PDB file of N, CA and C in Angstrom:
ATOM      1  N   UNK A   1       8.715 -19.595  64.038  1.00  0.00           N
ATOM      2  CA  UNK A   1      10.147 -19.690  64.175  1.00  0.00           C
ATOM      3  C   UNK A   1      10.820 -18.368  63.814  1.00  0.00           C
ATOM      4  N   UNK A   2      10.186 -17.613  62.923  1.00  0.00           N
ATOM      5  CA  UNK A   2      10.776 -16.350  62.480  1.00  0.00           C
ATOM      6  C   UNK A   2      10.839 -15.324  63.608  1.00  0.00           C
ATOM      7  N   UNK A   3       9.822 -15.280  64.444  1.00  0.00           N
ATOM      8  CA  UNK A   3       9.773 -14.324  65.552  1.00  0.00           C
ATOM      9  C   UNK A   3      10.203 -14.972  66.858  1.00  0.00           C
ATOM     10  N   UNK A   4      11.322 -15.656  66.826  1.00  0.00           N
ATOM     11  CA  UNK A   4      11.810 -16.337  68.013  1.00  0.00           C
ATOM     12  C   UNK A   4      12.210 -15.330  69.083  1.00  0.00           C
ATOM     13  N   UNK A   5      12.830 -14.226  68.649  1.00  0.00           N
ATOM     14  CA  UNK A   5      13.221 -13.173  69.566  1.00  0.00           C
ATOM     15  C   UNK A   5      12.378 -11.938  69.292  1.00  0.00           C
ATOM     16  N   UNK A   6      11.747 -11.427  70.314  1.00  0.00           N
ATOM     17  CA  UNK A   6      10.937 -10.227  70.171  1.00  0.00           C
ATOM     18  C   UNK A   6      11.838  -9.018  70.372  1.00  0.00           C
ATOM     19  N   UNK A   7      11.846  -8.132  69.395  1.00  0.00           N
ATOM     20  CA  UNK A   7      12.706  -6.941  69.461  1.00  0.00           C
ATOM     21  C   UNK A   7      11.842  -5.701  69.317  1.00  0.00           C
ATOM     22  N   UNK A   8      12.154  -4.691  70.070  1.00  0.00           N
ATOM     23  CA  UNK A   8      11.449  -3.439  69.921  1.00  0.00           C
ATOM     24  C   UNK A   8      12.300  -2.479  69.097  1.00  0.00           C
ATOM     25  N   UNK A   9      11.763  -1.288  68.823  1.00  0.00           N
ATOM     26  CA  UNK A   9      12.461  -0.309  67.985  1.00  0.00           C
ATOM     27  C   UNK A   9      13.751   0.182  68.628  1.00  0.00           C
ATOM     28  N   UNK A  10      13.749   0.338  69.934  1.00  0.00           N
ATOM     29  CA  UNK A  10      14.945   0.821  70.624  1.00  0.00           C
ATOM     30  C   UNK A  10      16.084  -0.177  70.486  1.00  0.00           C
ATOM     31  N   UNK A  11      15.773  -1.441  70.653  1.00  0.00           N
ATOM     32  CA  UNK A  11      16.788  -2.484  70.544  1.00  0.00           C
ATOM     33  C   UNK A  11      17.372  -2.529  69.125  1.00  0.00           C
ATOM     34  N   UNK A  12      16.517  -2.384  68.122  1.00  0.00           N
ATOM     35  CA  UNK A  12      16.987  -2.378  66.737  1.00  0.00           C
ATOM     36  C   UNK A  12      17.850  -1.147  66.467  1.00  0.00           C
ATOM     37  N   UNK A  13      17.464   0.013  67.014  1.00  0.00           N
ATOM     38  CA  UNK A  13      18.240   1.234  66.818  1.00  0.00           C
ATOM     39  C   UNK A  13      19.606   1.138  67.489  1.00  0.00           C
ATOM     40  N   UNK A  14      19.656   0.565  68.674  1.00  0.00           N
ATOM     41  CA  UNK A  14      20.931   0.399  69.374  1.00  0.00           C
ATOM     42  C   UNK A  14      21.830  -0.555  68.603  1.00  0.00           C
ATOM     43  N   UNK A  15      21.262  -1.628  68.076  1.00  0.00           N
ATOM     44  CA  UNK A  15      22.045  -2.581  67.297  1.00  0.00           C
ATOM     45  C   UNK A  15      22.595  -1.932  66.025  1.00  0.00           C
ATOM     46  N   UNK A  16      21.772  -1.154  65.355  1.00  0.00           N
ATOM     47  CA  UNK A  16      22.229  -0.454  64.144  1.00  0.00           C
ATOM     48  C   UNK A  16      23.291   0.588  64.478  1.00  0.00           C
ATOM     49  N   UNK A  17      23.143   1.257  65.597  1.00  0.00           N
ATOM     50  CA  UNK A  17      24.150   2.223  66.028  1.00  0.00           C
ATOM     51  C   UNK A  17      25.483   1.550  66.317  1.00  0.00           C
ATOM     52  N   UNK A  18      25.435   0.386  66.930  1.00  0.00           N
ATOM     53  CA  UNK A  18      26.663  -0.366  67.196  1.00  0.00           C
ATOM     54  C   UNK A  18      27.329  -0.830  65.916  1.00  0.00           C
ATOM     55  N   UNK A  19      26.519  -1.300  64.971  1.00  0.00           N
ATOM     56  CA  UNK A  19      27.073  -1.722  63.686  1.00  0.00           C
ATOM     57  C   UNK A  19      27.705  -0.544  62.946  1.00  0.00           C
ATOM     58  N   UNK A  20      27.063   0.607  63.006  1.00  0.00           N
ATOM     59  CA  UNK A  20      27.599   1.805  62.355  1.00  0.00           C
ATOM     60  C   UNK A  20      28.932   2.202  62.974  1.00  0.00           C
ATOM     61  N   UNK A  21      28.996   2.175  64.280  1.00  0.00           N
ATOM     62  CA  UNK A  21      30.235   2.537  64.969  1.00  0.00           C
ATOM     63  C   UNK A  21      31.358   1.548  64.642  1.00  0.00           C
ATOM     64  N   UNK A  22      31.033   0.273  64.583  1.00  0.00           N
ATOM     65  CA  UNK A  22      32.036  -0.732  64.223  1.00  0.00           C
ATOM     66  C   UNK A  22      32.537  -0.520  62.801  1.00  0.00           C
ATOM     67  N   UNK A  23      31.648  -0.176  61.879  1.00  0.00           N
ATOM     68  CA  UNK A  23      32.038   0.092  60.491  1.00  0.00           C
ATOM     69  C   UNK A  23      32.973   1.299  60.417  1.00  0.00           C
ATOM     70  N   UNK A  24      32.667   2.337  61.163  1.00  0.00           N
ATOM     71  CA  UNK A  24      33.510   3.537  61.159  1.00  0.00           C
ATOM     72  C   UNK A  24      34.894   3.222  61.715  1.00  0.00           C
ATOM     73  N   UNK A  25      34.955   2.485  62.818  1.00  0.00           N
ATOM     74  CA  UNK A  25      36.246   2.131  63.416  1.00  0.00           C
ATOM     75  C   UNK A  25      37.078   1.292  62.451  1.00  0.00           C
ATOM     76  N   UNK A  26      36.458   0.306  61.814  1.00  0.00           N
ATOM     77  CA  UNK A  26      37.188  -0.535  60.865  1.00  0.00           C
ATOM     78  C   UNK A  26      37.663   0.261  59.652  1.00  0.00           C
ATOM     79  N   UNK A  27      36.796   1.102  59.106  1.00  0.00           N
ATOM     80  CA  UNK A  27      37.167   1.866  57.912  1.00  0.00           C
ATOM     81  C   UNK A  27      38.309   2.826  58.200  1.00  0.00           C
ATOM     82  N   UNK A  28      38.184   3.601  59.264  1.00  0.00           N
ATOM     83  CA  UNK A  28      39.251   4.558  59.567  1.00  0.00           C
ATOM     84  C   UNK A  28      40.519   3.849  60.060  1.00  0.00           C
ATOM     85  N   UNK A  29      40.365   2.727  60.737  1.00  0.00           N
ATOM     86  CA  UNK A  29      41.534   1.954  61.138  1.00  0.00           C
ATOM     87  C   UNK A  29      42.308   1.447  59.933  1.00  0.00           C
ATOM     88  N   UNK A  30      41.574   0.946  58.936  1.00  0.00           N
ATOM     89  CA  UNK A  30      42.236   0.498  57.709  1.00  0.00           C
ATOM     90  C   UNK A  30      42.910   1.668  56.987  1.00  0.00           C
ATOM     91  N   UNK A  31      42.265   2.827  56.977  1.00  0.00           N
ATOM     92  CA  UNK A  31      42.879   3.992  56.336  1.00  0.00           C
ATOM     93  C   UNK A  31      44.156   4.418  57.052  1.00  0.00           C
ATOM     94  N   UNK A  32      44.177   4.336  58.373  1.00  0.00           N
ATOM     95  CA  UNK A  32      45.394   4.669  59.131  1.00  0.00           C
ATOM     96  C   UNK A  32      46.504   3.668  58.818  1.00  0.00           C
ATOM     97  N   UNK A  33      46.156   2.385  58.732  1.00  0.00           N
ATOM     98  CA  UNK A  33      47.160   1.370  58.403  1.00  0.00           C
ATOM     99  C   UNK A  33      47.705   1.597  56.994  1.00  0.00           C
ATOM    100  N   UNK A  34      46.830   1.937  56.052  1.00  0.00           N
ATOM    101  CA  UNK A  34      47.267   2.226  54.681  1.00  0.00           C
ATOM    102  C   UNK A  34      48.204   3.418  54.666  1.00  0.00           C
ATOM    103  N   UNK A  35      47.849   4.485  55.378  1.00  0.00           N
ATOM    104  CA  UNK A  35      48.706   5.669  55.417  1.00  0.00           C
ATOM    105  C   UNK A  35      50.052   5.351  56.051  1.00  0.00           C
ATOM    106  N   UNK A  36      50.051   4.594  57.134  1.00  0.00           N
ATOM    107  CA  UNK A  36      51.307   4.229  57.795  1.00  0.00           C
ATOM    108  C   UNK A  36      52.201   3.413  56.871  1.00  0.00           C
ATOM    109  N   UNK A  37      51.610   2.386  56.251  1.00  0.00           N
ATOM    110  CA  UNK A  37      52.411   1.559  55.347  1.00  0.00           C
ATOM    111  C   UNK A  37      52.961   2.366  54.182  1.00  0.00           C
ATOM    112  N   UNK A  38      52.172   3.292  53.703  1.00  0.00           N
ATOM    113  CA  UNK A  38      52.595   4.091  52.557  1.00  0.00           C
ATOM    114  C   UNK A  38      53.684   5.086  52.936  1.00  0.00           C
ATOM    115  N   UNK A  39      53.518   5.777  54.041  1.00  0.00           N
ATOM    116  CA  UNK A  39      54.438   6.847  54.401  1.00  0.00           C
ATOM    117  C   UNK A  39      55.689   6.348  55.130  1.00  0.00           C
ATOM    118  N   UNK A  40      55.545   5.366  55.992  1.00  0.00           N
ATOM    119  CA  UNK A  40      56.676   4.911  56.803  1.00  0.00           C
ATOM    120  C   UNK A  40      57.397   3.732  56.143  1.00  0.00           C
ATOM    121  N   UNK A  41      56.646   2.719  55.757  1.00  0.00           N
ATOM    122  CA  UNK A  41      57.256   1.506  55.215  1.00  0.00           C
ATOM    123  C   UNK A  41      57.444   1.543  53.703  1.00  0.00           C
ATOM    124  N   UNK A  42      56.867   2.558  53.036  1.00  0.00           N
ATOM    125  CA  UNK A  42      56.951   2.687  51.573  1.00  0.00           C
ATOM    126  C   UNK A  42      56.385   1.455  50.869  1.00  0.00           C
ATOM    127  N   UNK A  43      55.263   0.953  51.384  1.00  0.00           N
ATOM    128  CA  UNK A  43      54.595  -0.205  50.790  1.00  0.00           C
ATOM    129  C   UNK A  43      53.284   0.251  50.150  1.00  0.00           C
ATOM    130  N   UNK A  44      52.907  -0.422  49.103  1.00  0.00           N
ATOM    131  CA  UNK A  44      51.600  -0.175  48.495  1.00  0.00           C
ATOM    132  C   UNK A  44      50.568  -1.060  49.198  1.00  0.00           C
ATOM    133  N   UNK A  45      49.507  -0.469  49.665  1.00  0.00           N
ATOM    134  CA  UNK A  45      48.479  -1.210  50.406  1.00  0.00           C
ATOM    135  C   UNK A  45      47.142  -1.147  49.675  1.00  0.00           C
ATOM    136  N   UNK A  46      47.173  -1.478  48.406  1.00  0.00           N
ATOM    137  CA  UNK A  46      45.952  -1.395  47.613  1.00  0.00           C
ATOM    138  C   UNK A  46      44.902  -2.389  48.075  1.00  0.00           C
ATOM    139  N   UNK A  47      45.306  -3.516  48.617  1.00  0.00           N
ATOM    140  CA  UNK A  47      44.339  -4.502  49.071  1.00  0.00           C
ATOM    141  C   UNK A  47      43.505  -3.962  50.234  1.00  0.00           C
ATOM    142  N   UNK A  48      44.161  -3.293  51.178  1.00  0.00           N
ATOM    143  CA  UNK A  48      43.428  -2.728  52.314  1.00  0.00           C
ATOM    144  C   UNK A  48      42.571  -1.537  51.892  1.00  0.00           C
ATOM    145  N   UNK A  49      43.116  -0.724  50.990  1.00  0.00           N
ATOM    146  CA  UNK A  49      42.354   0.418  50.499  1.00  0.00           C
ATOM    147  C   UNK A  49      41.130  -0.052  49.716  1.00  0.00           C
ATOM    148  N   UNK A  50      41.267  -1.151  48.997  1.00  0.00           N
ATOM    149  CA  UNK A  50      40.133  -1.708  48.266  1.00  0.00           C
ATOM    150  C   UNK A  50      39.037  -2.181  49.226  1.00  0.00           C
ATOM    151  N   UNK A  51      39.423  -2.692  50.394  1.00  0.00           N
ATOM    152  CA  UNK A  51      38.420  -3.091  51.396  1.00  0.00           C
ATOM    153  C   UNK A  51      37.608  -1.900  51.880  1.00  0.00           C
ATOM    154  N   UNK A  52      38.267  -0.763  52.086  1.00  0.00           N
ATOM    155  CA  UNK A  52      37.561   0.445  52.527  1.00  0.00           C
ATOM    156  C   UNK A  52      36.585   0.900  51.449  1.00  0.00           C
ATOM    157  N   UNK A  53      37.054   0.944  50.211  1.00  0.00           N
ATOM    158  CA  UNK A  53      36.200   1.382  49.096  1.00  0.00           C
ATOM    159  C   UNK A  53      35.047   0.408  48.894  1.00  0.00           C
ATOM    160  N   UNK A  54      35.322  -0.884  48.956  1.00  0.00           N
ATOM    161  CA  UNK A  54      34.273  -1.890  48.787  1.00  0.00           C
ATOM    162  C   UNK A  54      33.214  -1.784  49.890  1.00  0.00           C
ATOM    163  N   UNK A  55      33.641  -1.508  51.110  1.00  0.00           N
ATOM    164  CA  UNK A  55      32.679  -1.312  52.194  1.00  0.00           C
ATOM    165  C   UNK A  55      31.753  -0.141  51.924  1.00  0.00           C
ATOM    166  N   UNK A  56      32.288   0.942  51.400  1.00  0.00           N
ATOM    167  CA  UNK A  56      31.458   2.100  51.052  1.00  0.00           C
ATOM    168  C   UNK A  56      30.499   1.794  49.918  1.00  0.00           C
ATOM    169  N   UNK A  57      30.982   1.063  48.914  1.00  0.00           N
ATOM    170  CA  UNK A  57      30.119   0.703  47.784  1.00  0.00           C
ATOM    171  C   UNK A  57      28.976  -0.191  48.239  1.00  0.00           C
ATOM    172  N   UNK A  58      29.271  -1.152  49.091  1.00  0.00           N
ATOM    173  CA  UNK A  58      28.224  -2.054  49.593  1.00  0.00           C
ATOM    174  C   UNK A  58      27.190  -1.273  50.399  1.00  0.00           C
ATOM    175  N   UNK A  59      27.651  -0.351  51.222  1.00  0.00           N
ATOM    176  CA  UNK A  59      26.741   0.448  52.041  1.00  0.00           C
ATOM    177  C   UNK A  59      25.813   1.297  51.173  1.00  0.00           C
ATOM    178  N   UNK A  60      26.374   1.984  50.202  1.00  0.00           N
ATOM    179  CA  UNK A  60      25.558   2.826  49.315  1.00  0.00           C
ATOM    180  C   UNK A  60      24.630   1.964  48.461  1.00  0.00           C
ATOM    181  N   UNK A  61      25.144   0.839  47.973  1.00  0.00           N
ATOM    182  CA  UNK A  61      24.305  -0.050  47.173  1.00  0.00           C
ATOM    183  C   UNK A  61      23.120  -0.588  47.951  1.00  0.00           C
ATOM    184  N   UNK A  62      23.345  -0.952  49.207  1.00  0.00           N
ATOM    185  CA  UNK A  62      22.250  -1.449  50.045  1.00  0.00           C
ATOM    186  C   UNK A  62      21.201  -0.364  50.276  1.00  0.00           C
ATOM    187  N   UNK A  63      21.671   0.844  50.554  1.00  0.00           N
ATOM    188  CA  UNK A  63      20.727   1.949  50.772  1.00  0.00           C
ATOM    189  C   UNK A  63      19.939   2.251  49.509  1.00  0.00           C
ATOM    190  N   UNK A  64      20.605   2.198  48.356  1.00  0.00           N
ATOM    191  CA  UNK A  64      19.898   2.455  47.103  1.00  0.00           C
ATOM    192  C   UNK A  64      18.877   1.359  46.821  1.00  0.00           C
ATOM    193  N   UNK A  65      19.209   0.096  47.129  1.00  0.00           N
ATOM    194  CA  UNK A  65      18.268  -0.991  46.881  1.00  0.00           C
ATOM    195  C   UNK A  65      17.035  -0.886  47.778  1.00  0.00           C
ATOM    196  N   UNK A  66      17.206  -0.305  48.951  1.00  0.00           N
ATOM    197  CA  UNK A  66      16.085  -0.123  49.883  1.00  0.00           C
ATOM    198  C   UNK A  66      15.421   1.244  49.721  1.00  0.00           C
ATOM    199  N   UNK A  67      15.878   2.001  48.739  1.00  0.00           N
ATOM    200  CA  UNK A  67      15.365   3.355  48.455  1.00  0.00           C
ATOM    201  C   UNK A  67      15.431   4.247  49.705  1.00  0.00           C
ATOM    202  N   UNK A  68      16.548   4.160  50.399  1.00  0.00           N
ATOM    203  CA  UNK A  68      16.736   4.933  51.625  1.00  0.00           C
ATOM    204  C   UNK A  68      17.839   5.973  51.466  1.00  0.00           C
ATOM    205  N   UNK A  69      18.205   6.278  50.221  1.00  0.00           N
ATOM    206  CA  UNK A  69      19.267   7.245  49.963  1.00  0.00           C
ATOM    207  C   UNK A  69      18.625   8.502  49.388  1.00  0.00           C
ATOM    208  N   UNK A  70      18.783   9.620  50.086  1.00  0.00           N
ATOM    209  CA  UNK A  70      18.173  10.856  49.628  1.00  0.00           C
ATOM    210  C   UNK A  70      18.915  11.401  48.415  1.00  0.00           C
ATOM    211  N   UNK A  71      18.299  12.356  47.732  1.00  0.00           N
ATOM    212  CA  UNK A  71      18.941  12.970  46.563  1.00  0.00           C
ATOM    213  C   UNK A  71      20.204  13.713  46.960  1.00  0.00           C
ATOM    214  N   UNK A  72      20.180  14.358  48.114  1.00  0.00           N
ATOM    215  CA  UNK A  72      21.374  15.070  48.568  1.00  0.00           C
ATOM    216  C   UNK A  72      22.521  14.098  48.828  1.00  0.00           C
ATOM    217  N   UNK A  73      22.236  12.985  49.467  1.00  0.00           N
ATOM    218  CA  UNK A  73      23.273  11.984  49.732  1.00  0.00           C
ATOM    219  C   UNK A  73      23.796  11.398  48.426  1.00  0.00           C
ATOM    220  N   UNK A  74      22.913  11.174  47.464  1.00  0.00           N
ATOM    221  CA  UNK A  74      23.328  10.655  46.164  1.00  0.00           C
ATOM    222  C   UNK A  74      24.203  11.668  45.430  1.00  0.00           C
ATOM    223  N   UNK A  75      23.881  12.959  45.558  1.00  0.00           N
ATOM    224  CA  UNK A  75      24.705  14.009  44.948  1.00  0.00           C
ATOM    225  C   UNK A  75      26.089  14.054  45.597  1.00  0.00           C
ATOM    226  N   UNK A  76      26.147  13.883  46.909  1.00  0.00           N
ATOM    227  CA  UNK A  76      27.434  13.868  47.610  1.00  0.00           C
ATOM    228  C   UNK A  76      28.271  12.667  47.160  1.00  0.00           C
ATOM    229  N   UNK A  77      27.639  11.513  47.012  1.00  0.00           N
ATOM    230  CA  UNK A  77      28.345  10.321  46.542  1.00  0.00           C
ATOM    231  C   UNK A  77      28.894  10.551  45.141  1.00  0.00           C
ATOM    232  N   UNK A  78      28.067  11.099  44.257  1.00  0.00           N
ATOM    233  CA  UNK A  78      28.508  11.379  42.896  1.00  0.00           C
ATOM    234  C   UNK A  78      29.646  12.386  42.848  1.00  0.00           C
ATOM    235  N   UNK A  79      29.542  13.433  43.648  1.00  0.00           N
ATOM    236  CA  UNK A  79      30.600  14.448  43.704  1.00  0.00           C
ATOM    237  C   UNK A  79      31.895  13.860  44.267  1.00  0.00           C
ATOM    238  N   UNK A  80      31.779  13.024  45.267  1.00  0.00           N
ATOM    239  CA  UNK A  80      32.958  12.376  45.844  1.00  0.00           C
ATOM    240  C   UNK A  80      33.661  11.489  44.821  1.00  0.00           C
ATOM    241  N   UNK A  81      32.880  10.738  44.056  1.00  0.00           N
ATOM    242  CA  UNK A  81      33.465   9.885  43.019  1.00  0.00           C
ATOM    243  C   UNK A  81      34.156  10.734  41.966  1.00  0.00           C
ATOM    244  N   UNK A  82      33.516  11.826  41.546  1.00  0.00           N
ATOM    245  CA  UNK A  82      34.107  12.691  40.530  1.00  0.00           C
ATOM    246  C   UNK A  82      35.415  13.312  41.010  1.00  0.00           C
ATOM    247  N   UNK A  83      35.437  13.797  42.241  1.00  0.00           N
ATOM    248  CA  UNK A  83      36.665  14.390  42.797  1.00  0.00           C
ATOM    249  C   UNK A  83      37.759  13.324  42.917  1.00  0.00           C
ATOM    250  N   UNK A  84      37.395  12.123  43.340  1.00  0.00           N
ATOM    251  CA  UNK A  84      38.382  11.046  43.473  1.00  0.00           C
ATOM    252  C   UNK A  84      38.982  10.681  42.123  1.00  0.00           C
ATOM    253  N   UNK A  85      38.168  10.666  41.079  1.00  0.00           N
ATOM    254  CA  UNK A  85      38.676  10.352  39.739  1.00  0.00           C
ATOM    255  C   UNK A  85      39.638  11.433  39.271  1.00  0.00           C
ATOM    256  N   UNK A  86      39.282  12.699  39.482  1.00  0.00           N
ATOM    257  CA  UNK A  86      40.153  13.803  39.065  1.00  0.00           C
ATOM    258  C   UNK A  86      41.465  13.785  39.841  1.00  0.00           C
ATOM    259  N   UNK A  87      41.395  13.620  41.147  1.00  0.00           N
ATOM    260  CA  UNK A  87      42.614  13.576  41.968  1.00  0.00           C
ATOM    261  C   UNK A  87      43.472  12.374  41.584  1.00  0.00           C
ATOM    262  N   UNK A  88      42.841  11.228  41.363  1.00  0.00           N
ATOM    263  CA  UNK A  88      43.582  10.041  40.952  1.00  0.00           C
ATOM    264  C   UNK A  88      44.275  10.242  39.612  1.00  0.00           C
ATOM    265  N   UNK A  89      43.597  10.893  38.680  1.00  0.00           N
ATOM    266  CA  UNK A  89      44.213  11.159  37.379  1.00  0.00           C
ATOM    267  C   UNK A  89      45.385  12.128  37.514  1.00  0.00           C
ATOM    268  N   UNK A  90      45.220  13.148  38.349  1.00  0.00           N
ATOM    269  CA  UNK A  90      46.313  14.107  38.549  1.00  0.00           C
ATOM    270  C   UNK A  90      47.521  13.444  39.213  1.00  0.00           C
ATOM    271  N   UNK A  91      47.261  12.589  40.169  1.00  0.00           N
ATOM    272  CA  UNK A  91      48.352  11.890  40.837  1.00  0.00           C
ATOM    273  C   UNK A  91      49.057  10.950  39.852  1.00  0.00           C
ATOM    274  N   UNK A  92      48.272  10.228  39.066  1.00  0.00           N
ATOM    275  CA  UNK A  92      48.874   9.309  38.098  1.00  0.00           C
ATOM    276  C   UNK A  92      49.693  10.067  37.062  1.00  0.00           C
ATOM    277  N   UNK A  93      49.206  11.202  36.600  1.00  0.00           N
ATOM    278  CA  UNK A  93      49.965  12.004  35.638  1.00  0.00           C
ATOM    279  C   UNK A  93      51.196  12.626  36.285  1.00  0.00           C
ATOM    280  N   UNK A  94      51.076  12.999  37.544  1.00  0.00           N
ATOM    281  CA  UNK A  94      52.214  13.589  38.265  1.00  0.00           C
ATOM    282  C   UNK A  94      53.299  12.571  38.515  1.00  0.00           C
ATOM    283  N   UNK A  95      52.938  11.346  38.749  1.00  0.00           N
ATOM    284  CA  UNK A  95      53.938  10.298  38.997  1.00  0.00           C
ATOM    285  C   UNK A  95      54.682   9.965  37.705  1.00  0.00           C
ATOM    286  N   UNK A  96      54.004   9.966  36.585  1.00  0.00           N
ATOM    287  CA  UNK A  96      54.630   9.637  35.307  1.00  0.00           C
ATOM    288  C   UNK A  96      55.559  10.739  34.812  1.00  0.00           C
ATOM    289  N   UNK A  97      55.254  11.974  35.169  1.00  0.00           N
ATOM    290  CA  UNK A  97      56.053  13.103  34.632  1.00  0.00           C
ATOM    291  C   UNK A  97      57.372  13.256  35.332  1.00  0.00           C
TER     292      UNK A  97
END
């Protein structure tokens, strides 16, 4: 029952490519909606921004669990988190001042 559908490597690669493209479209689409709401409507869209961040965390977590994340990619993730924390702190301090 497990091998009900026979799939070859090409079919799996095409399916993964489609999933990757769908993830990119959704993530950047949500970021555009967040930017629009923030700049034009003056609304806070933390819920949508949290979806984008959560999608990235799930993706990295899955890759780490499968040991498919290289050291360079892990360094980029760590650097991105560090820069985001610094920028977030500067923005928060700038808003309060």
